[in-house]
Each structure stands twice: as structure tokens, then as C-alpha cells.
C-alpha atoms as a PDB file:
ATOM      1  CA  MET A   1     -42.170 -80.073  29.312  1.00  0.00           C
ATOM      2  CA  ASN A   2     -40.929 -83.156  31.141  1.00  0.00           C
ATOM      3  CA  VAL A   3     -41.361 -84.152  34.780  1.00  0.00           C
ATOM      4  CA  ARG A   4     -38.522 -85.849  36.729  1.00  0.00           C
ATOM      5  CA  ARG A   5     -39.313 -89.334  38.033  1.00  0.00           C
ATOM      6  CA  LEU A   6     -37.327 -91.539  40.477  1.00  0.00           C
ATOM      7  CA  ILE A   7     -36.397 -94.831  38.837  1.00  0.00           C
ATOM      8  CA  PRO A   8     -36.292 -97.839  41.262  1.00  0.00           C
ATOM      9  CA  ALA A   9     -32.943 -99.660  41.384  1.00  0.00           C
ATOM     10  CA  THR A  10     -34.682-102.851  40.277  1.00  0.00           C
ATOM     11  CA  ALA A  11     -36.040-101.288  37.089  1.00  0.00           C
ATOM     12  CA  LEU A  12     -35.239-102.843  33.775  1.00  0.00           C
ATOM     13  CA  ALA A  13     -32.285-101.404  31.868  1.00  0.00           C
ATOM     14  CA  GLY A  14     -34.530-100.085  29.118  1.00  0.00           C
ATOM     15  CA  ALA A  15     -36.579 -98.180  31.622  1.00  0.00           C
ATOM     16  CA  VAL A  16     -33.449 -96.656  33.174  1.00  0.00           C
ATOM     17  CA  ALA A  17     -32.295 -95.487  29.756  1.00  0.00           C
ATOM     18  CA  LEU A  18     -35.697 -93.923  29.086  1.00  0.00           C
ATOM     19  CA  GLY A  19     -35.590 -92.131  32.467  1.00  0.00           C
ATOM     20  CA  ALA A  20     -32.117 -90.735  31.694  1.00  0.00           C
ATOM     21  CA  THR A  21     -33.441 -89.351  28.393  1.00  0.00           C
ATOM     22  CA  ALA A  22     -36.330 -87.670  30.187  1.00  0.00           C
ATOM     23  CA  LEU A  23     -33.989 -86.104  32.740  1.00  0.00           C
ATOM     24  CA  THR A  24     -31.732 -84.724  30.030  1.00  0.00           C
ATOM     25  CA  ALA A  25     -34.697 -83.149  28.206  1.00  0.00           C
ATOM     26  CA  CYS A  26     -35.995 -81.646  31.427  1.00  0.00           C
ATOM     27  CA  ALA A  27     -32.608 -80.143  32.202  1.00  0.00           C
ATOM     28  CA  GLY A  28     -32.548 -78.521  28.780  1.00  0.00           C
ATOM     29  CA  ALA A  29     -35.941 -76.920  29.324  1.00  0.00           C
ATOM     30  CA  GLY A  30     -34.927 -75.771  32.812  1.00  0.00           C
ATOM     31  CA  ALA A  31     -31.932 -73.903  31.400  1.00  0.00           C
ATOM     32  CA  ALA A  32     -34.219 -71.525  29.604  1.00  0.00           C
ATOM     33  CA  GLY A  33     -36.502 -71.049  32.617  1.00  0.00           C
ATOM     34  CA  GLY A  34     -33.836 -70.313  35.198  1.00  0.00           C
ATOM     35  CA  GLY A  35     -33.896 -73.830  36.799  1.00  0.00           C
ATOM     36  CA  ALA A  36     -35.652 -77.183  36.633  1.00  0.00           C
ATOM     37  CA  ASP A  37     -38.762 -75.883  38.367  1.00  0.00           C
ATOM     38  CA  GLY A  38     -41.184 -78.044  36.435  1.00  0.00           C
ATOM     39  CA  LYS A  39     -42.813 -74.988  34.787  1.00  0.00           C
ATOM     40  CA  LEU A  40     -43.507 -74.571  31.081  1.00  0.00           C
ATOM     41  CA  ASP A  41     -41.100 -71.977  29.691  1.00  0.00           C
ATOM     42  CA  VAL A  42     -43.029 -69.580  27.475  1.00  0.00           C
ATOM     43  CA  THR A  43     -41.504 -66.714  25.491  1.00  0.00           C
ATOM     44  CA  ALA A  44     -43.905 -64.071  24.249  1.00  0.00           C
ATOM     45  CA  SER A  45     -42.830 -61.496  21.649  1.00  0.00           C
ATOM     46  CA  PHE A  46     -44.646 -58.560  23.313  1.00  0.00           C
ATOM     47  CA  TYR A  47     -47.088 -57.550  26.033  1.00  0.00           C
ATOM     48  CA  PRO A  48     -50.502 -58.682  24.658  1.00  0.00           C
ATOM     49  CA  LEU A  49     -49.225 -62.218  24.204  1.00  0.00           C
ATOM     50  CA  GLN A  50     -47.337 -62.154  27.500  1.00  0.00           C
ATOM     51  CA  PHE A  51     -50.617 -61.183  29.202  1.00  0.00           C
ATOM     52  CA  LEU A  52     -52.460 -64.118  27.682  1.00  0.00           C
ATOM     53  CA  ALA A  53     -49.723 -66.607  28.626  1.00  0.00           C
ATOM     54  CA  GLU A  54     -49.679 -65.326  32.230  1.00  0.00           C
ATOM     55  CA  ARG A  55     -53.473 -65.332  32.624  1.00  0.00           C
ATOM     56  CA  ILE A  56     -53.974 -68.760  31.045  1.00  0.00           C
ATOM     57  CA  GLY A  57     -50.839 -70.456  32.331  1.00  0.00           C
ATOM     58  CA  LYS A  58     -50.798 -68.963  35.841  1.00  0.00           C
ATOM     59  CA  ASP A  59     -48.589 -71.055  38.207  1.00  0.00           C
ATOM     60  CA  HIS A  60     -47.820 -73.667  35.567  1.00  0.00           C
ATOM     61  CA  VAL A  61     -45.778 -71.353  33.349  1.00  0.00           C
ATOM     62  CA  LYS A  62     -42.783 -69.096  33.494  1.00  0.00           C
ATOM     63  CA  VAL A  63     -43.235 -66.282  30.945  1.00  0.00           C
ATOM     64  CA  ASP A  64     -40.510 -64.210  29.429  1.00  0.00           C
ATOM     65  CA  THR A  65     -41.005 -61.376  26.872  1.00  0.00           C
ATOM     66  CA  LEU A  66     -38.713 -60.204  24.084  1.00  0.00           C
ATOM     67  CA  THR A  67     -40.066 -56.653  24.221  1.00  0.00           C
ATOM     68  CA  LYS A  68     -39.238 -55.116  27.578  1.00  0.00           C
ATOM     69  CA  PRO A  69     -41.478 -52.377  29.119  1.00  0.00           C
ATOM     70  CA  GLY A  70     -40.991 -48.997  27.500  1.00  0.00           C
ATOM     71  CA  VAL A  71     -39.665 -50.380  24.195  1.00  0.00           C
ATOM     72  CA  GLU A  72     -41.698 -49.585  21.066  1.00  0.00           C
ATOM     73  CA  PRO A  73     -42.471 -53.061  19.680  1.00  0.00           C
ATOM     74  CA  HIS A  74     -42.285 -52.030  15.961  1.00  0.00           C
ATOM     75  CA  ASP A  75     -38.650 -50.984  16.452  1.00  0.00           C
ATOM     76  CA  LEU A  76     -37.480 -53.998  18.465  1.00  0.00           C
ATOM     77  CA  GLU A  77     -34.012 -55.397  17.687  1.00  0.00           C
ATOM     78  CA  ILE A  78     -33.030 -58.860  18.936  1.00  0.00           C
ATOM     79  CA  THR A  79     -29.544 -59.894  20.026  1.00  0.00           C
ATOM     80  CA  PRO A  80     -27.950 -63.201  19.111  1.00  0.00           C
ATOM     81  CA  LYS A  81     -28.178 -64.176  22.768  1.00  0.00           C
ATOM     82  CA  GLN A  82     -31.949 -63.610  22.759  1.00  0.00           C
ATOM     83  CA  THR A  83     -32.251 -65.727  19.617  1.00  0.00           C
ATOM     84  CA  GLY A  84     -30.332 -68.476  21.317  1.00  0.00           C
ATOM     85  CA  ARG A  85     -32.562 -68.361  24.431  1.00  0.00           C
ATOM     86  CA  LEU A  86     -35.590 -68.371  22.162  1.00  0.00           C
ATOM     87  CA  GLY A  87     -34.493 -71.812  20.904  1.00  0.00           C
ATOM     88  CA  GLU A  88     -34.608 -73.141  24.442  1.00  0.00           C
ATOM     89  CA  ALA A  89     -38.220 -72.144  25.135  1.00  0.00           C
ATOM     90  CA  ASP A  90     -40.981 -74.768  25.382  1.00  0.00           C
ATOM     91  CA  VAL A  91     -43.509 -72.474  23.632  1.00  0.00           C
ATOM     92  CA  VAL A  92     -43.012 -69.262  21.661  1.00  0.00           C
ATOM     93  CA  LEU A  93     -45.916 -66.851  21.099  1.00  0.00           C
ATOM     94  CA  TYR A  94     -45.580 -64.125  18.508  1.00  0.00           C
ATOM     95  CA  LEU A  95     -47.573 -62.200  15.932  1.00  0.00           C
ATOM     96  CA  LYS A  96     -46.080 -62.493  12.462  1.00  0.00           C
ATOM     97  CA  SER A  97     -45.410 -59.221  10.580  1.00  0.00           C
ATOM     98  CA  LEU A  98     -45.742 -56.990  13.630  1.00  0.00           C
ATOM     99  CA  GLN A  99     -42.055 -57.234  14.554  1.00  0.00           C
ATOM    100  CA  PRO A 100     -39.724 -58.264  11.675  1.00  0.00           C
ATOM    101  CA  ALA A 101     -36.799 -58.908  14.023  1.00  0.00           C
ATOM    102  CA  VAL A 102     -38.955 -61.436  15.925  1.00  0.00           C
ATOM    103  CA  ASP A 103     -40.079 -63.134  12.723  1.00  0.00           C
ATOM    104  CA  LYS A 104     -36.426 -63.653  11.744  1.00  0.00           C
ATOM    105  CA  ALA A 105     -35.425 -64.885  15.195  1.00  0.00           C
ATOM    106  CA  VAL A 106     -38.304 -67.364  15.433  1.00  0.00           C
ATOM    107  CA  ALA A 107     -37.381 -68.750  11.991  1.00  0.00           C
ATOM    108  CA  GLN A 108     -33.823 -69.302  13.162  1.00  0.00           C
ATOM    109  CA  SER A 109     -34.679 -70.669  16.612  1.00  0.00           C
ATOM    110  CA  GLY A 110     -35.822 -74.153  15.716  1.00  0.00           C
ATOM    111  CA  VAL A 111     -38.518 -74.089  18.424  1.00  0.00           C
ATOM    112  CA  LYS A 112     -40.988 -76.927  18.124  1.00  0.00           C
ATOM    113  CA  ASN A 113     -44.039 -75.242  19.698  1.00  0.00           C
ATOM    114  CA  VAL A 114     -44.488 -71.916  17.902  1.00  0.00           C
ATOM    115  CA  VAL A 115     -47.773 -70.057  17.926  1.00  0.00           C
ATOM    116  CA  ASP A 116     -48.417 -67.275  15.427  1.00  0.00           C
ATOM    117  CA  ALA A 117     -51.296 -65.226  16.811  1.00  0.00           C
ATOM    118  CA  ALA A 118     -52.029 -63.969  13.264  1.00  0.00           C
ATOM    119  CA  THR A 119     -53.303 -67.495  12.485  1.00  0.00           C
ATOM    120  CA  LEU A 120     -55.747 -67.571  15.422  1.00  0.00           C
ATOM    121  CA  THR A 121     -58.169 -64.882  14.200  1.00  0.00           C
ATOM    122  CA  PRO A 122     -58.757 -63.455  10.718  1.00  0.00           C
ATOM    123  CA  LEU A 123     -56.715 -60.367   9.920  1.00  0.00           C
ATOM    124  CA  GLU A 124     -58.029 -57.502   7.834  1.00  0.00           C
ATOM    125  CA  VAL A 125     -56.804 -54.464   5.878  1.00  0.00           C
ATOM    126  CA  HIS A 126     -58.272 -51.402   7.498  1.00  0.00           C
ATOM    127  CA  GLY A 127     -59.066 -48.062   5.972  1.00  0.00           C
ATOM    128  CA  THR A 128     -60.447 -45.086   7.865  1.00  0.00           C
ATOM    129  CA  SER A 129     -63.687 -43.239   7.427  1.00  0.00           C
ATOM    130  CA  GLY A 130     -63.267 -42.667   3.736  1.00  0.00           C
ATOM    131  CA  HIS A 131     -62.173 -39.012   3.885  1.00  0.00           C
ATOM    132  CA  ASP A 132     -59.854 -37.801   1.139  1.00  0.00           C
ATOM    133  CA  HIS A 133     -56.249 -38.685   2.004  1.00  0.00           C
ATOM    134  CA  GLU A 134     -54.629 -37.391  -1.168  1.00  0.00           C
ATOM    135  CA  GLY A 135     -50.983 -36.585  -0.599  1.00  0.00           C
ATOM    136  CA  GLU A 136     -50.556 -38.828   2.376  1.00  0.00           C
ATOM    137  CA  GLU A 137     -47.472 -40.989   2.391  1.00  0.00           C
ATOM    138  CA  GLY A 138     -47.855 -44.706   3.015  1.00  0.00           C
ATOM    139  CA  HIS A 139     -45.892 -46.566   5.595  1.00  0.00           C
ATOM    140  CA  ALA A 140     -45.223 -50.103   4.407  1.00  0.00           C
ATOM    141  CA  GLU A 141     -41.916 -50.506   6.230  1.00  0.00           C
ATOM    142  CA  GLU A 142     -41.447 -53.552   8.395  1.00  0.00           C
ATOM    143  CA  GLY A 143     -44.044 -55.461   6.448  1.00  0.00           C
ATOM    144  CA  HIS A 144     -46.948 -53.140   7.232  1.00  0.00           C
ATOM    145  CA  GLY A 145     -49.329 -51.343   4.984  1.00  0.00           C
ATOM    146  CA  ASP A 146     -50.704 -47.989   5.851  1.00  0.00           C
ATOM    147  CA  GLU A 147     -53.899 -48.107   7.893  1.00  0.00           C
ATOM    148  CA  HIS A 148     -55.437 -45.675   5.420  1.00  0.00           C
ATOM    149  CA  GLY A 149     -55.219 -48.150   2.613  1.00  0.00           C
ATOM    150  CA  HIS A 150     -51.997 -46.714   1.091  1.00  0.00           C
ATOM    151  CA  SER A 151     -48.578 -48.358   1.015  1.00  0.00           C
ATOM    152  CA  HIS A 152     -45.376 -48.553  -0.951  1.00  0.00           C
ATOM    153  CA  GLY A 153     -46.800 -51.698  -2.472  1.00  0.00           C
ATOM    154  CA  GLU A 154     -49.852 -53.734  -1.576  1.00  0.00           C
ATOM    155  CA  ALA A 155     -51.622 -52.828   1.644  1.00  0.00           C
ATOM    156  CA  ALA A 156     -50.812 -55.218   4.443  1.00  0.00           C
ATOM    157  CA  GLU A 157     -53.101 -56.739   7.021  1.00  0.00           C
ATOM    158  CA  ASP A 158     -53.578 -54.885  10.246  1.00  0.00           C
ATOM    159  CA  PRO A 159     -51.925 -56.850  13.129  1.00  0.00           C
ATOM    160  CA  HIS A 160     -53.512 -54.954  16.104  1.00  0.00           C
ATOM    161  CA  VAL A 161     -56.174 -57.576  16.848  1.00  0.00           C
ATOM    162  CA  TRP A 162     -55.794 -57.386  20.654  1.00  0.00           C
ATOM    163  CA  LEU A 163     -57.550 -53.994  20.685  1.00  0.00           C
ATOM    164  CA  ASP A 164     -60.803 -55.723  19.788  1.00  0.00           C
ATOM    165  CA  PRO A 165     -61.822 -57.810  22.803  1.00  0.00           C
ATOM    166  CA  VAL A 166     -63.759 -60.227  20.625  1.00  0.00           C
ATOM    167  CA  LYS A 167     -60.754 -60.994  18.407  1.00  0.00           C
ATOM    168  CA  TYR A 168     -58.479 -61.032  21.398  1.00  0.00           C
ATOM    169  CA  ALA A 169     -60.694 -63.727  22.913  1.00  0.00           C
ATOM    170  CA  GLU A 170     -60.196 -65.814  19.784  1.00  0.00           C
ATOM    171  CA  VAL A 171     -56.430 -65.449  20.154  1.00  0.00           C
ATOM    172  CA  ALA A 172     -56.739 -66.412  23.841  1.00  0.00           C
ATOM    173  CA  LYS A 173     -58.487 -69.671  22.876  1.00  0.00           C
ATOM    174  CA  GLY A 174     -55.663 -70.477  20.465  1.00  0.00           C
ATOM    175  CA  VAL A 175     -53.006 -69.767  23.107  1.00  0.00           C
ATOM    176  CA  GLY A 176     -54.868 -71.925  25.598  1.00  0.00           C
ATOM    177  CA  ALA A 177     -54.998 -74.822  23.167  1.00  0.00           C
ATOM    178  CA  ALA A 178     -51.247 -74.462  22.521  1.00  0.00           C
ATOM    179  CA  LEU A 179     -50.441 -74.606  26.215  1.00  0.00           C
ATOM    180  CA  GLU A 180     -52.621 -77.694  26.609  1.00  0.00           C
ATOM    181  CA  LYS A 181     -50.761 -79.391  23.752  1.00  0.00           C
ATOM    182  CA  ALA A 182     -47.343 -78.469  25.175  1.00  0.00           C
ATOM    183  CA  ASP A 183     -48.198 -79.461  28.736  1.00  0.00           C
ATOM    184  CA  PRO A 184     -51.110 -81.992  28.647  1.00  0.00           C
ATOM    185  CA  GLY A 185     -50.676 -82.797  32.347  1.00  0.00           C
ATOM    186  CA  HIS A 186     -52.200 -79.416  33.183  1.00  0.00           C
ATOM    187  CA  ALA A 187     -54.682 -79.231  30.270  1.00  0.00           C
ATOM    188  CA  ALA A 188     -57.727 -79.000  32.528  1.00  0.00           C
ATOM    189  CA  ASP A 189     -56.312 -75.955  34.303  1.00  0.00           C
ATOM    190  CA  TYR A 190     -55.396 -74.217  31.034  1.00  0.00           C
ATOM    191  CA  ARG A 191     -58.887 -74.866  29.716  1.00  0.00           C
ATOM    192  CA  LYS A 192     -60.499 -73.469  32.851  1.00  0.00           C
ATOM    193  CA  ASN A 193     -58.297 -70.356  32.864  1.00  0.00           C
ATOM    194  CA  THR A 194     -58.970 -69.796  29.158  1.00  0.00           C
ATOM    195  CA  ASP A 195     -62.741 -69.965  29.740  1.00  0.00           C
ATOM    196  CA  GLU A 196     -62.468 -67.474  32.581  1.00  0.00           C
ATOM    197  CA  LEU A 197     -60.427 -65.053  30.512  1.00  0.00           C
ATOM    198  CA  VAL A 198     -62.717 -65.299  27.501  1.00  0.00           C
ATOM    199  CA  ALA A 199     -65.716 -64.568  29.765  1.00  0.00           C
ATOM    200  CA  GLN A 200     -63.917 -61.413  31.048  1.00  0.00           C
ATOM    201  CA  LEU A 201     -63.162 -60.313  27.487  1.00  0.00           C
ATOM    202  CA  THR A 202     -66.795 -60.876  26.521  1.00  0.00           C
ATOM    203  CA  ALA A 203     -67.863 -58.659  29.429  1.00  0.00           C
ATOM    204  CA  LEU A 204     -65.324 -56.010  28.296  1.00  0.00           C
ATOM    205  CA  ASN A 205     -66.824 -56.074  24.818  1.00  0.00           C
ATOM    206  CA  THR A 206     -70.255 -55.423  26.290  1.00  0.00           C
ATOM    207  CA  GLU A 207     -68.822 -52.428  28.236  1.00  0.00           C
ATOM    208  CA  PHE A 208     -67.496 -50.958  25.025  1.00  0.00           C
ATOM    209  CA  GLU A 209     -70.708 -51.635  23.120  1.00  0.00           C
ATOM    210  CA  ASP A 210     -72.836 -49.963  25.755  1.00  0.00           C
ATOM    211  CA  GLY A 211     -70.356 -47.174  26.465  1.00  0.00           C
ATOM    212  CA  LEU A 212     -69.945 -46.088  22.826  1.00  0.00           C
ATOM    213  CA  LYS A 213     -73.547 -46.610  21.663  1.00  0.00           C
ATOM    214  CA  ASN A 214     -74.656 -42.961  21.771  1.00  0.00           C
ATOM    215  CA  THR A 215     -72.009 -40.299  21.036  1.00  0.00           C
ATOM    216  CA  ALA A 216     -72.009 -36.811  19.535  1.00  0.00           C
ATOM    217  CA  THR A 217     -69.430 -37.845  16.903  1.00  0.00           C
ATOM    218  CA  ARG A 218     -68.129 -41.186  15.675  1.00  0.00           C
ATOM    219  CA  THR A 219     -64.721 -39.939  14.459  1.00  0.00           C
ATOM    220  CA  PHE A 220     -61.520 -39.932  16.422  1.00  0.00           C
ATOM    221  CA  ILE A 221     -57.975 -38.847  15.471  1.00  0.00           C
ATOM    222  CA  THR A 222     -54.913 -40.704  16.741  1.00  0.00           C
ATOM    223  CA  THR A 223     -51.196 -40.566  16.054  1.00  0.00           C
ATOM    224  CA  HIS A 224     -50.861 -44.351  15.878  1.00  0.00           C
ATOM    225  CA  ALA A 225     -53.445 -45.877  13.556  1.00  0.00           C
ATOM    226  CA  ALA A 226     -53.684 -49.033  15.614  1.00  0.00           C
ATOM    227  CA  PHE A 227     -57.397 -48.942  16.358  1.00  0.00           C
ATOM    228  CA  GLY A 228     -58.919 -50.178  13.130  1.00  0.00           C
ATOM    229  CA  TYR A 229     -60.401 -53.336  14.663  1.00  0.00           C
ATOM    230  CA  LEU A 230     -61.738 -51.393  17.659  1.00  0.00           C
ATOM    231  CA  ALA A 231     -63.288 -48.787  15.352  1.00  0.00           C
ATOM    232  CA  GLU A 232     -64.886 -51.443  13.166  1.00  0.00           C
ATOM    233  CA  ARG A 233     -66.240 -53.370  16.120  1.00  0.00           C
ATOM    234  CA  TYR A 234     -67.978 -50.331  17.670  1.00  0.00           C
ATOM    235  CA  GLY A 235     -68.920 -48.373  14.591  1.00  0.00           C
ATOM    236  CA  LEU A 236     -66.342 -45.605  14.883  1.00  0.00           C
ATOM    237  CA  ASP A 237     -64.178 -43.882  12.310  1.00  0.00           C
ATOM    238  CA  GLN A 238     -60.453 -43.875  12.937  1.00  0.00           C
ATOM    239  CA  GLU A 239     -58.327 -41.118  11.417  1.00  0.00           C
ATOM    240  CA  GLY A 240     -54.625 -41.952  11.872  1.00  0.00           C
ATOM    241  CA  ILE A 241     -52.011 -39.208  11.577  1.00  0.00           C
ATOM    242  CA  SER A 242     -49.021 -41.404  10.826  1.00  0.00           C
ATOM    243  CA  GLY A 243     -50.221 -44.905   9.921  1.00  0.00           C
ATOM    244  CA  VAL A 244     -49.061 -47.923  11.853  1.00  0.00           C
ATOM    245  CA  ASP A 245     -45.621 -46.509  12.593  1.00  0.00           C
ATOM    246  CA  PRO A 246     -46.134 -44.126  15.522  1.00  0.00           C
ATOM    247  CA  GLU A 247     -42.787 -42.363  14.979  1.00  0.00           C
ATOM    248  CA  SER A 248     -43.236 -41.624  11.236  1.00  0.00           C
ATOM    249  CA  GLU A 249     -43.804 -38.009  10.127  1.00  0.00           C
ATOM    250  CA  PRO A 250     -47.118 -37.230   8.324  1.00  0.00           C
ATOM    251  CA  SER A 251     -47.047 -35.158   5.153  1.00  0.00           C
ATOM    252  CA  PRO A 252     -48.187 -31.503   5.243  1.00  0.00           C
ATOM    253  CA  ALA A 253     -51.084 -32.552   2.990  1.00  0.00           C
ATOM    254  CA  ARG A 254     -52.179 -35.112   5.592  1.00  0.00           C
ATOM    255  CA  MET A 255     -52.101 -32.591   8.398  1.00  0.00           C
ATOM    256  CA  LYS A 256     -54.200 -30.203   6.294  1.00  0.00           C
ATOM    257  CA  ASP A 257     -56.632 -33.008   5.557  1.00  0.00           C
ATOM    258  CA  LEU A 258     -56.986 -33.811   9.242  1.00  0.00           C
ATOM    259  CA  GLN A 259     -57.721 -30.183  10.105  1.00  0.00           C
ATOM    260  CA  ALA A 260     -60.658 -30.367   7.644  1.00  0.00           C
ATOM    261  CA  VAL A 261     -61.807 -33.701   9.055  1.00  0.00           C
ATOM    262  CA  ALA A 262     -61.751 -32.339  12.609  1.00  0.00           C
ATOM    263  CA  LYS A 263     -63.892 -29.394  11.648  1.00  0.00           C
ATOM    264  CA  LYS A 264     -66.378 -31.393   9.581  1.00  0.00           C
ATOM    265  CA  GLU A 265     -66.800 -34.225  12.103  1.00  0.00           C
ATOM    266  CA  ASN A 266     -66.820 -32.114  15.267  1.00  0.00           C
ATOM    267  CA  VAL A 267     -63.662 -33.804  16.594  1.00  0.00           C
ATOM    268  CA  SER A 268     -62.681 -32.459  20.000  1.00  0.00           C
ATOM    269  CA  THR A 269     -59.501 -34.439  20.764  1.00  0.00           C
ATOM    270  CA  VAL A 270     -56.327 -35.654  19.191  1.00  0.00           C
ATOM    271  CA  PHE A 271     -55.051 -38.841  20.775  1.00  0.00           C
ATOM    272  CA  PHE A 272     -51.419 -39.804  21.348  1.00  0.00           C
ATOM    273  CA  GLU A 273     -49.863 -42.868  23.066  1.00  0.00           C
ATOM    274  CA  THR A 274     -47.525 -43.525  25.953  1.00  0.00           C
ATOM    275  CA  LEU A 275     -44.683 -45.227  24.073  1.00  0.00           C
ATOM    276  CA  ALA A 276     -44.214 -42.659  21.325  1.00  0.00           C
ATOM    277  CA  SER A 277     -43.716 -38.907  21.056  1.00  0.00           C
ATOM    278  CA  ASP A 278     -46.766 -36.658  21.425  1.00  0.00           C
ATOM    279  CA  LYS A 279     -45.153 -33.901  19.314  1.00  0.00           C
ATOM    280  CA  THR A 280     -47.279 -34.450  16.218  1.00  0.00           C
ATOM    281  CA  ALA A 281     -50.533 -34.801  18.170  1.00  0.00           C
ATOM    282  CA  LYS A 282     -49.887 -31.578  20.060  1.00  0.00           C
ATOM    283  CA  SER A 283     -48.936 -29.759  16.836  1.00  0.00           C
ATOM    284  CA  LEU A 284     -52.202 -30.739  15.169  1.00  0.00           C
ATOM    285  CA  ALA A 285     -54.185 -29.919  18.290  1.00  0.00           C
ATOM    286  CA  SER A 286     -52.538 -26.486  18.524  1.00  0.00           C
ATOM    287  CA  ASP A 287     -53.353 -25.737  14.862  1.00  0.00           C
ATOM    288  CA  THR A 288     -56.960 -26.754  15.208  1.00  0.00           C
ATOM    289  CA  GLY A 289     -57.738 -25.639  18.763  1.00  0.00           C
ATOM    290  CA  LEU A 290     -58.319 -29.241  19.901  1.00  0.00           C
ATOM    291  CA  LYS A 291     -57.457 -31.026  23.159  1.00  0.00           C
ATOM    292  CA  THR A 292     -55.088 -33.991  23.482  1.00  0.00           C
ATOM    293  CA  ASP A 293     -55.504 -37.202  25.417  1.00  0.00           C
ATOM    294  CA  VAL A 294     -54.100 -40.730  25.591  1.00  0.00           C
ATOM    295  CA  LEU A 295     -55.416 -43.685  23.582  1.00  0.00           C
ATOM    296  CA  ASP A 296     -53.076 -46.564  24.404  1.00  0.00           C
ATOM    297  CA  PRO A 297     -52.461 -49.259  21.727  1.00  0.00           C
ATOM    298  CA  LEU A 298     -51.384 -51.566  24.623  1.00  0.00           C
ATOM    299  CA  GLU A 299     -48.147 -52.699  23.049  1.00  0.00           C
ATOM    300  CA  GLY A 300     -46.449 -52.431  26.437  1.00  0.00           C
ATOM    301  CA  ILE A 301     -47.128 -51.449  30.044  1.00  0.00           C
ATOM    302  CA  THR A 302     -44.953 -48.870  31.786  1.00  0.00           C
ATOM    303  CA  GLY A 303     -45.240 -46.591  34.814  1.00  0.00           C
ATOM    304  CA  LYS A 304     -46.881 -44.032  32.521  1.00  0.00           C
ATOM    305  CA  SER A 305     -49.656 -46.382  31.426  1.00  0.00           C
ATOM    306  CA  GLN A 306     -53.215 -45.592  32.530  1.00  0.00           C
ATOM    307  CA  GLY A 307     -53.556 -48.942  34.244  1.00  0.00           C
ATOM    308  CA  ALA A 308     -51.514 -51.899  35.454  1.00  0.00           C
ATOM    309  CA  ASP A 309     -52.740 -54.543  32.939  1.00  0.00           C
ATOM    310  CA  TYR A 310     -54.718 -55.032  29.755  1.00  0.00           C
ATOM    311  CA  PHE A 311     -58.159 -54.668  31.293  1.00  0.00           C
ATOM    312  CA  GLU A 312     -57.328 -51.537  33.267  1.00  0.00           C
ATOM    313  CA  VAL A 313     -55.771 -49.796  30.244  1.00  0.00           C
ATOM    314  CA  MET A 314     -58.632 -50.820  27.936  1.00  0.00           C
ATOM    315  CA  ARG A 315     -61.172 -49.353  30.386  1.00  0.00           C
ATOM    316  CA  SER A 316     -59.080 -46.141  30.499  1.00  0.00           C
ATOM    317  CA  ASN A 317     -59.217 -46.103  26.690  1.00  0.00           C
ATOM    318  CA  LEU A 318     -62.997 -46.463  26.854  1.00  0.00           C
ATOM    319  CA  LYS A 319     -63.340 -43.545  29.261  1.00  0.00           C
ATOM    320  CA  ASN A 320     -61.083 -41.355  27.135  1.00  0.00           C
ATOM    321  CA  LEU A 321     -63.035 -42.237  23.988  1.00  0.00           C
ATOM    322  CA  GLN A 322     -66.317 -41.491  25.684  1.00  0.00           C
ATOM    323  CA  LYS A 323     -65.077 -38.078  26.752  1.00  0.00           C
ATOM    324  CA  ALA A 324     -63.639 -37.277  23.313  1.00  0.00           C
ATOM    325  CA  LEU A 325     -66.648 -38.497  21.363  1.00  0.00           C
ATOM    326  CA  GLY A 326     -69.226 -36.846  23.616  1.00  0.00           C
ATOM    327  CA  THR A 327     -71.063 -39.778  25.108  1.00  0.00           C
ATOM    328  CA  LYS A 328     -74.757 -39.013  25.566  1.00  0.00           C
END
């Protein structure tokens, strides 16, 4: 990001030329941000990265997101116009392999400052609790492996790192460092805001640790198997109905397997999410006499979300898990 400076009439010709170059670059950046407002133009691929940019950048940044509220991120399609605007951003934040359309657009954009959140914290391949999943179909489309360890090829790493506050804090540090590099004039503010956010995420981790310490069961069933990192962090067992793709249909064998798991592990609730259909969850719940509730993978915030931002929705997730798992 460049800042406009007034060049005195008596300045040397070389200095005038340098100032003109700076003004041209600033005008180019302003085109992507809706005007030469002096703010860093940041484009985030989806909500968790948008949230970090807004919390860390505050008044120094203007943040746009490729995934609008209510759009399921895995299914995002990007227009040529969006790809063009992407190339005008000062900083692009994305998570490689989560959204194939974004991966392609970023590669074509030519943006200098690109931050791949998948490089900011170690990714893992997650299984579930080890129950028999024979007959379950894998879902390796869009570069993903199945959260149960199956795929139409090698199992891929789980991208849902933001659902673990500890790993999300690591991503936040990387985003903060990227903003400092892109806009060194406000580095101190970015560093301060990053430290504050990391402290809040650390406190949230403690809330989850304490809140899920003593429960009647450690197993939960969810339509979208996005909670592998959360389950690992707090000693829980995730049983996903449909793998990482929340719209995919589970096999009859998988549904039968989940009925057995629910009975054996004293599961009381089948979780669904706000951005995908609850049809499968309600079908399984009806067949097993279980309740349904929301466990939000926080890929977007809408009017149906149980909270207005990341922290509010995560605390709603904690309350819903406590209720479902039988907190003692």
C-alpha cells in the first residue's frame, strides 16, 4: 500500500518522477478498494479468514470476501470479474484445497502478497473414533479426503483448522505478520491487535477445555465432518455422516453403522449445520429416536447463525455440545 505525498515545486526532477510512480501505484490499489482511501485492500476467500483480517487490520484495512453470506464455501464458483478484482488486492488470504475455484483464481491473479492459511499451522488427516465404517463411500472430490480416512485415492488433509481455537490462533499470527509486511507503516497496530486476538482465542480454548472435561459420552454425530481438530483437541470422537461435503449422500451401510454407534456410545443428538440441508440428520434421528441440534462449522455467518461472529457461534457450539454430550 502506498501513501500519497505532496511534492514541493522545487523538488529535483528525479524526486518528482518517483512521486508520480507512487501516485500511480496508489491509484491502482484504490481501484480495488473503492477509492484511494489509504487502506490496505484485503480479499479473504471465506469467513474465518475475513474475520481474522477484520479483527487484526481494524481501521487500517478494507476487507472483501469471495464467499458471500449463505453460500456453501465448498461449492463456490468464481466469475472472471472476481478473478480480475482479486488481482488488484494488496493481500489475498485463502486456504488451499478447501475451495478449488479459489485455488485456481489465486493462481491466475498474479497477486504479490498471497497468504495460504494451510501453511500457517500443521494440517492433519483425521479419522473418527475407530468404529467400523465398512461400506461407507469416500468423498475425495474438490481435493478432499473423507474425514473417516477413506477416499477415492489418498486421504487428504483436513482444512477445518479454525474450529480449533489453538490452531486458529496460529493462523491469526501468520495473518498478522502478513499484514505487517504489506503495510509496515501500521505494523505496531497489527501486532497489538494480533496479540489481543490470540489472547481471546486462548481464553476460548480454556472455556472448551473446562466445559467438555466431564461428560456422559465423548461421541457426537454430525452431518458435516468438519470437527476433527476440535474433537482431537478436547478428547472427543467425531462421527460424520457425509464426510467433508455436507451435501453428499451417505450410503445405507453408513447410516446403519451410525445407528449402532449411537446405541453403543449413548449418543443423544445428531448435529446438522446452518448452510446445508438438515434432511439426512433428521432422517437418522428419526430412525434412532435421537434429537437434532446445530453444530456450526463456521464457514459463513447468516441471519440463521447462532451468533453474530466467530466467538459467539463457537460459544453456541460449546453449549450445544455440552447439552448433547451430557456435561456433568
